[in-house]
Amino acid sequence: MIRKTLFAATALTLLAGPAFAFQCPADMAKIDAALQTTMLTPEAKAEVEALRAKGEEQHGAGDHQASMATLAEAKSILGIN
């Protein structure tokens, strides 16, 4: 029973990684769209653009958790979910 539970937990953990990977591009698209329509100070816009670039870099490196956190910070500044 314990072996089955551990196997199931491991399988779910491994399968969750690709799910996060597909969220990053969607978040980047939301940020890009919001940058076109949201009025920000030049400083805030530069910060959002830097966070978006960092998130894309992290995504490309396979660090999807960090990418999602970085992109979430950019979305917070923009006021989007």
N, C-alpha and C. Protein backbone atom coordinates (compact mmCIF):
# COMPACT_ATOMS: atom_id res chain seq x y z
N MET A 1 0.83 -1.20 0.00
CA MET A 1 0.00 0.00 0.00
C MET A 1 0.86 1.25 0.00
N ILE A 2 1.87 1.28 0.84
CA ILE A 2 2.76 2.45 0.91
C ILE A 2 3.51 2.61 -0.41
N ARG A 3 3.92 1.52 -0.99
CA ARG A 3 4.66 1.57 -2.24
C ARG A 3 3.79 2.16 -3.35
N LYS A 4 2.52 1.77 -3.40
CA LYS A 4 1.61 2.31 -4.40
C LYS A 4 1.38 3.80 -4.19
N THR A 5 1.25 4.21 -2.95
CA THR A 5 1.05 5.62 -2.63
C THR A 5 2.26 6.45 -3.05
N LEU A 6 3.46 5.96 -2.74
CA LEU A 6 4.67 6.66 -3.12
C LEU A 6 4.81 6.73 -4.64
N PHE A 7 4.49 5.65 -5.30
CA PHE A 7 4.54 5.64 -6.77
C PHE A 7 3.58 6.66 -7.35
N ALA A 8 2.37 6.70 -6.83
CA ALA A 8 1.36 7.64 -7.33
C ALA A 8 1.80 9.08 -7.08
N ALA A 9 2.34 9.36 -5.91
CA ALA A 9 2.80 10.72 -5.59
C ALA A 9 3.95 11.13 -6.51
N THR A 10 4.86 10.21 -6.76
CA THR A 10 5.98 10.50 -7.66
C THR A 10 5.49 10.75 -9.08
N ALA A 11 4.57 9.94 -9.54
CA ALA A 11 4.03 10.10 -10.89
C ALA A 11 3.33 11.45 -11.04
N LEU A 12 2.54 11.82 -10.05
CA LEU A 12 1.84 13.11 -10.11
C LEU A 12 2.82 14.28 -10.11
N THR A 13 3.87 14.18 -9.34
CA THR A 13 4.88 15.23 -9.30
C THR A 13 5.56 15.37 -10.65
N LEU A 14 5.91 14.26 -11.27
CA LEU A 14 6.58 14.30 -12.56
C LEU A 14 5.66 14.83 -13.66
N LEU A 15 4.40 14.52 -13.57
CA LEU A 15 3.45 14.97 -14.58
C LEU A 15 3.05 16.43 -14.42
N ALA A 16 3.25 16.99 -13.22
CA ALA A 16 2.88 18.38 -12.99
C ALA A 16 3.84 19.35 -13.66
N GLY A 17 5.10 18.98 -13.84
CA GLY A 17 6.09 19.86 -14.46
C GLY A 17 5.69 20.36 -15.83
N PRO A 18 5.31 19.49 -16.74
CA PRO A 18 4.88 19.96 -18.07
C PRO A 18 3.65 20.86 -18.02
N ALA A 19 2.78 20.65 -17.06
CA ALA A 19 1.60 21.50 -16.95
C ALA A 19 2.01 22.93 -16.65
N PHE A 20 2.99 23.12 -15.77
CA PHE A 20 3.49 24.46 -15.47
C PHE A 20 4.17 25.06 -16.69
N ALA A 21 4.84 24.24 -17.48
CA ALA A 21 5.58 24.73 -18.64
C ALA A 21 4.64 25.40 -19.64
N PHE A 22 3.42 24.91 -19.75
CA PHE A 22 2.49 25.48 -20.71
C PHE A 22 1.83 26.75 -20.21
N GLN A 23 1.89 27.02 -18.92
CA GLN A 23 1.30 28.23 -18.36
C GLN A 23 2.17 29.45 -18.64
N CYS A 24 3.47 29.27 -18.69
CA CYS A 24 4.39 30.39 -18.88
C CYS A 24 4.11 31.17 -20.17
N PRO A 25 4.02 30.52 -21.32
CA PRO A 25 3.73 31.28 -22.55
C PRO A 25 2.40 32.02 -22.49
N ALA A 26 1.41 31.43 -21.85
CA ALA A 26 0.12 32.10 -21.73
C ALA A 26 0.25 33.36 -20.87
N ASP A 27 1.02 33.27 -19.79
CA ASP A 27 1.24 34.44 -18.94
C ASP A 27 2.01 35.52 -19.70
N MET A 28 3.00 35.12 -20.48
CA MET A 28 3.77 36.10 -21.26
C MET A 28 2.85 36.81 -22.27
N ALA A 29 1.95 36.07 -22.88
CA ALA A 29 1.00 36.68 -23.83
C ALA A 29 0.08 37.67 -23.13
N LYS A 30 -0.38 37.32 -21.93
CA LYS A 30 -1.23 38.24 -21.16
C LYS A 30 -0.48 39.52 -20.83
N ILE A 31 0.79 39.37 -20.44
CA ILE A 31 1.61 40.54 -20.11
C ILE A 31 1.80 41.41 -21.35
N ASP A 32 2.11 40.78 -22.47
CA ASP A 32 2.31 41.53 -23.72
C ASP A 32 1.06 42.32 -24.08
N ALA A 33 -0.09 41.68 -23.98
CA ALA A 33 -1.35 42.34 -24.32
C ALA A 33 -1.63 43.50 -23.36
N ALA A 34 -1.40 43.27 -22.07
CA ALA A 34 -1.66 44.32 -21.09
C ALA A 34 -0.70 45.50 -21.25
N LEU A 35 0.53 45.22 -21.64
CA LEU A 35 1.48 46.32 -21.87
C LEU A 35 1.01 47.26 -22.97
N GLN A 36 0.25 46.74 -23.91
CA GLN A 36 -0.25 47.56 -25.02
C GLN A 36 -1.40 48.47 -24.61
N THR A 37 -2.13 48.07 -23.56
CA THR A 37 -3.34 48.82 -23.21
C THR A 37 -3.30 49.48 -21.85
N THR A 38 -2.38 49.10 -20.98
CA THR A 38 -2.33 49.62 -19.62
C THR A 38 -1.39 50.81 -19.55
N MET A 39 -1.84 51.86 -18.90
CA MET A 39 -1.02 53.05 -18.72
C MET A 39 -0.15 52.85 -17.47
N LEU A 40 1.15 52.89 -17.66
CA LEU A 40 2.10 52.74 -16.56
C LEU A 40 3.10 53.88 -16.61
N THR A 41 3.71 54.13 -15.47
CA THR A 41 4.82 55.07 -15.47
C THR A 41 5.97 54.43 -16.24
N PRO A 42 6.87 55.21 -16.76
CA PRO A 42 8.01 54.62 -17.48
C PRO A 42 8.81 53.64 -16.62
N GLU A 43 8.92 53.94 -15.33
CA GLU A 43 9.66 53.05 -14.42
C GLU A 43 8.93 51.72 -14.26
N ALA A 44 7.61 51.78 -14.08
CA ALA A 44 6.83 50.56 -13.90
C ALA A 44 6.85 49.73 -15.19
N LYS A 45 6.74 50.40 -16.33
CA LYS A 45 6.77 49.68 -17.60
C LYS A 45 8.11 48.99 -17.79
N ALA A 46 9.20 49.67 -17.44
CA ALA A 46 10.53 49.07 -17.56
C ALA A 46 10.66 47.86 -16.64
N GLU A 47 10.09 47.97 -15.43
CA GLU A 47 10.15 46.85 -14.49
C GLU A 47 9.37 45.65 -15.01
N VAL A 48 8.18 45.90 -15.54
CA VAL A 48 7.36 44.82 -16.10
C VAL A 48 8.09 44.16 -17.27
N GLU A 49 8.66 44.96 -18.14
CA GLU A 49 9.39 44.41 -19.29
C GLU A 49 10.59 43.58 -18.84
N ALA A 50 11.29 44.04 -17.81
CA ALA A 50 12.43 43.29 -17.29
C ALA A 50 11.98 41.97 -16.66
N LEU A 51 10.88 42.02 -15.90
CA LEU A 51 10.36 40.80 -15.29
C LEU A 51 9.88 39.81 -16.35
N ARG A 52 9.25 40.33 -17.39
CA ARG A 52 8.77 39.45 -18.46
C ARG A 52 9.95 38.78 -19.16
N ALA A 53 11.00 39.54 -19.43
CA ALA A 53 12.19 38.98 -20.07
C ALA A 53 12.85 37.93 -19.17
N LYS A 54 12.92 38.22 -17.89
CA LYS A 54 13.50 37.26 -16.94
C LYS A 54 12.65 35.99 -16.88
N GLY A 55 11.34 36.15 -16.87
CA GLY A 55 10.44 35.00 -16.84
C GLY A 55 10.59 34.14 -18.08
N GLU A 56 10.76 34.80 -19.24
CA GLU A 56 10.95 34.05 -20.48
C GLU A 56 12.29 33.29 -20.44
N GLU A 57 13.30 33.93 -19.91
CA GLU A 57 14.62 33.29 -19.79
C GLU A 57 14.53 32.07 -18.87
N GLN A 58 13.86 32.24 -17.73
CA GLN A 58 13.70 31.12 -16.79
C GLN A 58 12.91 29.99 -17.43
N HIS A 59 11.87 30.33 -18.17
CA HIS A 59 11.07 29.32 -18.87
C HIS A 59 11.94 28.54 -19.85
N GLY A 60 12.74 29.27 -20.62
CA GLY A 60 13.61 28.63 -21.60
C GLY A 60 14.65 27.72 -20.96
N ALA A 61 15.05 28.06 -19.73
CA ALA A 61 16.03 27.24 -19.00
C ALA A 61 15.37 26.06 -18.30
N GLY A 62 14.04 25.98 -18.36
CA GLY A 62 13.33 24.87 -17.73
C GLY A 62 12.95 25.10 -16.28
N ASP A 63 13.18 26.31 -15.75
CA ASP A 63 12.84 26.61 -14.36
C ASP A 63 11.45 27.24 -14.33
N HIS A 64 10.44 26.40 -14.50
CA HIS A 64 9.08 26.89 -14.68
C HIS A 64 8.48 27.47 -13.40
N GLN A 65 8.86 26.94 -12.26
CA GLN A 65 8.35 27.51 -11.00
C GLN A 65 8.82 28.95 -10.84
N ALA A 66 10.12 29.17 -11.07
CA ALA A 66 10.67 30.52 -10.96
C ALA A 66 10.06 31.43 -12.02
N SER A 67 9.88 30.90 -13.22
CA SER A 67 9.28 31.68 -14.30
C SER A 67 7.87 32.11 -13.93
N MET A 68 7.09 31.21 -13.41
CA MET A 68 5.71 31.55 -13.03
C MET A 68 5.70 32.61 -11.93
N ALA A 69 6.62 32.52 -10.98
CA ALA A 69 6.69 33.50 -9.89
C ALA A 69 7.08 34.88 -10.45
N THR A 70 8.05 34.90 -11.34
CA THR A 70 8.50 36.16 -11.93
C THR A 70 7.39 36.78 -12.77
N LEU A 71 6.73 35.97 -13.58
CA LEU A 71 5.64 36.47 -14.42
C LEU A 71 4.46 36.92 -13.57
N ALA A 72 4.22 36.26 -12.45
CA ALA A 72 3.14 36.65 -11.55
C ALA A 72 3.42 38.05 -10.96
N GLU A 73 4.68 38.32 -10.69
CA GLU A 73 5.05 39.65 -10.18
C GLU A 73 4.76 40.72 -11.24
N ALA A 74 5.11 40.42 -12.49
CA ALA A 74 4.83 41.36 -13.58
C ALA A 74 3.32 41.56 -13.75
N LYS A 75 2.56 40.47 -13.68
CA LYS A 75 1.11 40.58 -13.81
C LYS A 75 0.51 41.39 -12.67
N SER A 76 1.09 41.26 -11.48
CA SER A 76 0.61 42.02 -10.32
C SER A 76 0.79 43.52 -10.54
N ILE A 77 1.93 43.90 -11.07
CA ILE A 77 2.17 45.31 -11.36
C ILE A 77 1.16 45.83 -12.38
N LEU A 78 0.83 44.99 -13.35
CA LEU A 78 -0.14 45.36 -14.39
C LEU A 78 -1.58 45.31 -13.91
N GLY A 79 -1.80 44.62 -12.78
CA GLY A 79 -3.16 44.49 -12.26
C GLY A 79 -4.00 43.47 -13.00
N ILE A 80 -3.33 42.41 -13.51
CA ILE A 80 -4.06 41.34 -14.22
C ILE A 80 -3.84 40.03 -13.50
N ASN A 81 -4.70 39.03 -13.78
CA ASN A 81 -4.53 37.71 -13.15
C ASN A 81 -3.89 36.78 -14.11
